[in-house]
Amino acid sequence: MQHIPARSPSTASTRAAAHRAMALAALHADSSLSVRLRRYNDHMTIARTLESQEVAA
């Protein structure tokens, strides 16, 4: 029987950093300006929420 290693738990700060990276990537995407801005704002909102949850905890 083969043991499947467990994934390391993602912390809020790791997820927030990932969303900040996705936000920056959205700005450089090959899409219209309105789409790029909406995606950027959506990811930054999630990142800010995760960071505020981490501070409150």
N, C-alpha and C. Protein backbone atom coordinates (compact mmCIF):
# COMPACT_ATOMS: atom_id res chain seq x y z
N MET A 1 0.84 -1.18 0.00
CA MET A 1 0.00 0.00 0.00
C MET A 1 0.88 1.24 0.00
N GLN A 2 0.60 2.15 -0.89
CA GLN A 2 1.40 3.36 -1.01
C GLN A 2 0.76 4.49 -0.21
N HIS A 3 1.60 5.18 0.55
CA HIS A 3 1.11 6.30 1.35
C HIS A 3 1.12 7.58 0.51
N ILE A 4 0.01 8.27 0.49
CA ILE A 4 -0.09 9.53 -0.24
C ILE A 4 0.21 10.66 0.74
N PRO A 5 1.26 11.43 0.49
CA PRO A 5 1.60 12.50 1.44
C PRO A 5 0.51 13.57 1.50
N ALA A 6 0.29 14.07 2.68
CA ALA A 6 -0.72 15.11 2.87
C ALA A 6 -0.21 16.44 2.34
N ARG A 7 -1.11 17.21 1.81
CA ARG A 7 -0.75 18.55 1.36
C ARG A 7 -0.59 19.45 2.57
N SER A 8 0.35 20.35 2.48
CA SER A 8 0.51 21.27 3.59
C SER A 8 -0.67 22.25 3.59
N PRO A 9 -1.16 22.59 4.76
CA PRO A 9 -2.32 23.48 4.82
C PRO A 9 -1.96 24.87 4.32
N SER A 10 -2.84 25.45 3.56
CA SER A 10 -2.56 26.79 3.07
C SER A 10 -3.01 27.80 4.11
N THR A 11 -2.13 28.67 4.46
CA THR A 11 -2.47 29.69 5.44
C THR A 11 -3.11 30.86 4.72
N ALA A 12 -3.74 31.72 5.50
CA ALA A 12 -4.40 32.88 4.91
C ALA A 12 -3.38 33.78 4.24
N SER A 13 -2.19 33.91 4.81
CA SER A 13 -1.19 34.79 4.21
C SER A 13 -0.68 34.21 2.88
N THR A 14 -0.58 32.89 2.79
CA THR A 14 -0.16 32.26 1.54
C THR A 14 -1.22 32.46 0.47
N ARG A 15 -2.47 32.28 0.85
CA ARG A 15 -3.56 32.49 -0.11
C ARG A 15 -3.66 33.94 -0.51
N ALA A 16 -3.45 34.86 0.43
CA ALA A 16 -3.49 36.29 0.11
C ALA A 16 -2.38 36.64 -0.88
N ALA A 17 -1.20 36.09 -0.66
CA ALA A 17 -0.08 36.33 -1.58
C ALA A 17 -0.39 35.79 -2.97
N ALA A 18 -1.04 34.65 -3.02
CA ALA A 18 -1.42 34.07 -4.32
C ALA A 18 -2.43 34.96 -5.03
N HIS A 19 -3.38 35.51 -4.29
CA HIS A 19 -4.36 36.38 -4.92
C HIS A 19 -3.74 37.71 -5.37
N ARG A 20 -2.76 38.21 -4.62
CA ARG A 20 -2.05 39.41 -5.09
C ARG A 20 -1.30 39.12 -6.38
N ALA A 21 -0.70 37.94 -6.49
CA ALA A 21 0.00 37.56 -7.72
C ALA A 21 -0.98 37.41 -8.87
N MET A 22 -2.14 36.83 -8.61
CA MET A 22 -3.15 36.70 -9.66
C MET A 22 -3.68 38.06 -10.08
N ALA A 23 -3.75 39.00 -9.13
CA ALA A 23 -4.22 40.35 -9.45
C ALA A 23 -3.25 41.03 -10.39
N LEU A 24 -1.96 40.90 -10.12
CA LEU A 24 -0.96 41.50 -11.00
C LEU A 24 -0.96 40.82 -12.37
N ALA A 25 -1.14 39.51 -12.38
CA ALA A 25 -1.20 38.79 -13.65
C ALA A 25 -2.41 39.23 -14.46
N ALA A 26 -3.50 39.54 -13.78
CA ALA A 26 -4.70 39.98 -14.48
C ALA A 26 -4.47 41.29 -15.21
N LEU A 27 -3.63 42.15 -14.64
CA LEU A 27 -3.35 43.42 -15.29
C LEU A 27 -2.59 43.24 -16.60
N HIS A 28 -1.81 42.17 -16.70
CA HIS A 28 -1.00 41.93 -17.90
C HIS A 28 -1.64 40.96 -18.88
N ALA A 29 -2.86 40.55 -18.59
CA ALA A 29 -3.55 39.59 -19.45
C ALA A 29 -3.92 40.22 -20.79
N ASP A 30 -4.20 39.38 -21.75
CA ASP A 30 -4.58 39.84 -23.08
C ASP A 30 -6.09 39.95 -23.14
N SER A 31 -6.63 40.91 -22.39
CA SER A 31 -8.07 41.14 -22.32
C SER A 31 -8.33 42.64 -22.40
N SER A 32 -9.59 42.99 -22.45
CA SER A 32 -9.93 44.41 -22.48
C SER A 32 -9.58 45.04 -21.13
N LEU A 33 -9.44 46.34 -21.13
CA LEU A 33 -9.09 47.05 -19.91
C LEU A 33 -10.12 46.84 -18.81
N SER A 34 -11.40 46.86 -19.17
CA SER A 34 -12.44 46.69 -18.15
C SER A 34 -12.38 45.31 -17.51
N VAL A 35 -12.10 44.29 -18.30
CA VAL A 35 -12.00 42.92 -17.78
C VAL A 35 -10.78 42.80 -16.88
N ARG A 36 -9.64 43.35 -17.33
CA ARG A 36 -8.42 43.28 -16.53
C ARG A 36 -8.61 44.00 -15.20
N LEU A 37 -9.24 45.15 -15.20
CA LEU A 37 -9.46 45.91 -13.97
C LEU A 37 -10.42 45.19 -13.03
N ARG A 38 -11.48 44.59 -13.58
CA ARG A 38 -12.42 43.85 -12.75
C ARG A 38 -11.75 42.66 -12.09
N ARG A 39 -10.94 41.91 -12.85
CA ARG A 39 -10.24 40.76 -12.29
C ARG A 39 -9.23 41.19 -11.22
N TYR A 40 -8.52 42.27 -11.51
CA TYR A 40 -7.57 42.81 -10.53
C TYR A 40 -8.29 43.16 -9.22
N ASN A 41 -9.38 43.91 -9.34
CA ASN A 41 -10.12 44.33 -8.15
C ASN A 41 -10.72 43.14 -7.39
N ASP A 42 -11.20 42.15 -8.12
CA ASP A 42 -11.76 40.96 -7.47
C ASP A 42 -10.70 40.23 -6.65
N HIS A 43 -9.52 40.04 -7.23
CA HIS A 43 -8.45 39.34 -6.52
C HIS A 43 -7.91 40.15 -5.35
N MET A 44 -7.79 41.45 -5.51
CA MET A 44 -7.30 42.29 -4.41
C MET A 44 -8.30 42.34 -3.26
N THR A 45 -9.59 42.30 -3.57
CA THR A 45 -10.61 42.25 -2.52
C THR A 45 -10.47 40.98 -1.70
N ILE A 46 -10.27 39.87 -2.37
CA ILE A 46 -10.09 38.59 -1.67
C ILE A 46 -8.82 38.63 -0.82
N ALA A 47 -7.73 39.16 -1.39
CA ALA A 47 -6.47 39.23 -0.65
C ALA A 47 -6.62 40.09 0.59
N ARG A 48 -7.27 41.23 0.47
CA ARG A 48 -7.47 42.11 1.63
C ARG A 48 -8.33 41.44 2.69
N THR A 49 -9.36 40.71 2.26
CA THR A 49 -10.22 40.00 3.20
C THR A 49 -9.44 38.94 3.96
N LEU A 50 -8.62 38.17 3.25
CA LEU A 50 -7.82 37.14 3.90
C LEU A 50 -6.84 37.75 4.89
N GLU A 51 -6.22 38.86 4.51
CA GLU A 51 -5.27 39.51 5.42
C GLU A 51 -5.97 40.05 6.66
N SER A 52 -7.16 40.60 6.51
CA SER A 52 -7.87 41.12 7.67
C SER A 52 -8.34 40.00 8.59
N GLN A 53 -8.70 38.86 8.03
CA GLN A 53 -9.08 37.69 8.85
C GLN A 53 -7.89 37.18 9.64
N GLU A 54 -6.70 37.23 9.03
CA GLU A 54 -5.51 36.74 9.70
C GLU A 54 -5.13 37.66 10.87
N VAL A 55 -5.29 38.97 10.69
CA VAL A 55 -4.98 39.93 11.74
C VAL A 55 -5.97 39.79 12.89
N ALA A 56 -7.24 39.55 12.57
CA ALA A 56 -8.27 39.43 13.59
C ALA A 56 -8.15 38.14 14.39
N ALA A 57 -7.56 37.13 13.79
CA ALA A 57 -7.46 35.82 14.47
C ALA A 57 -6.37 35.77 15.49
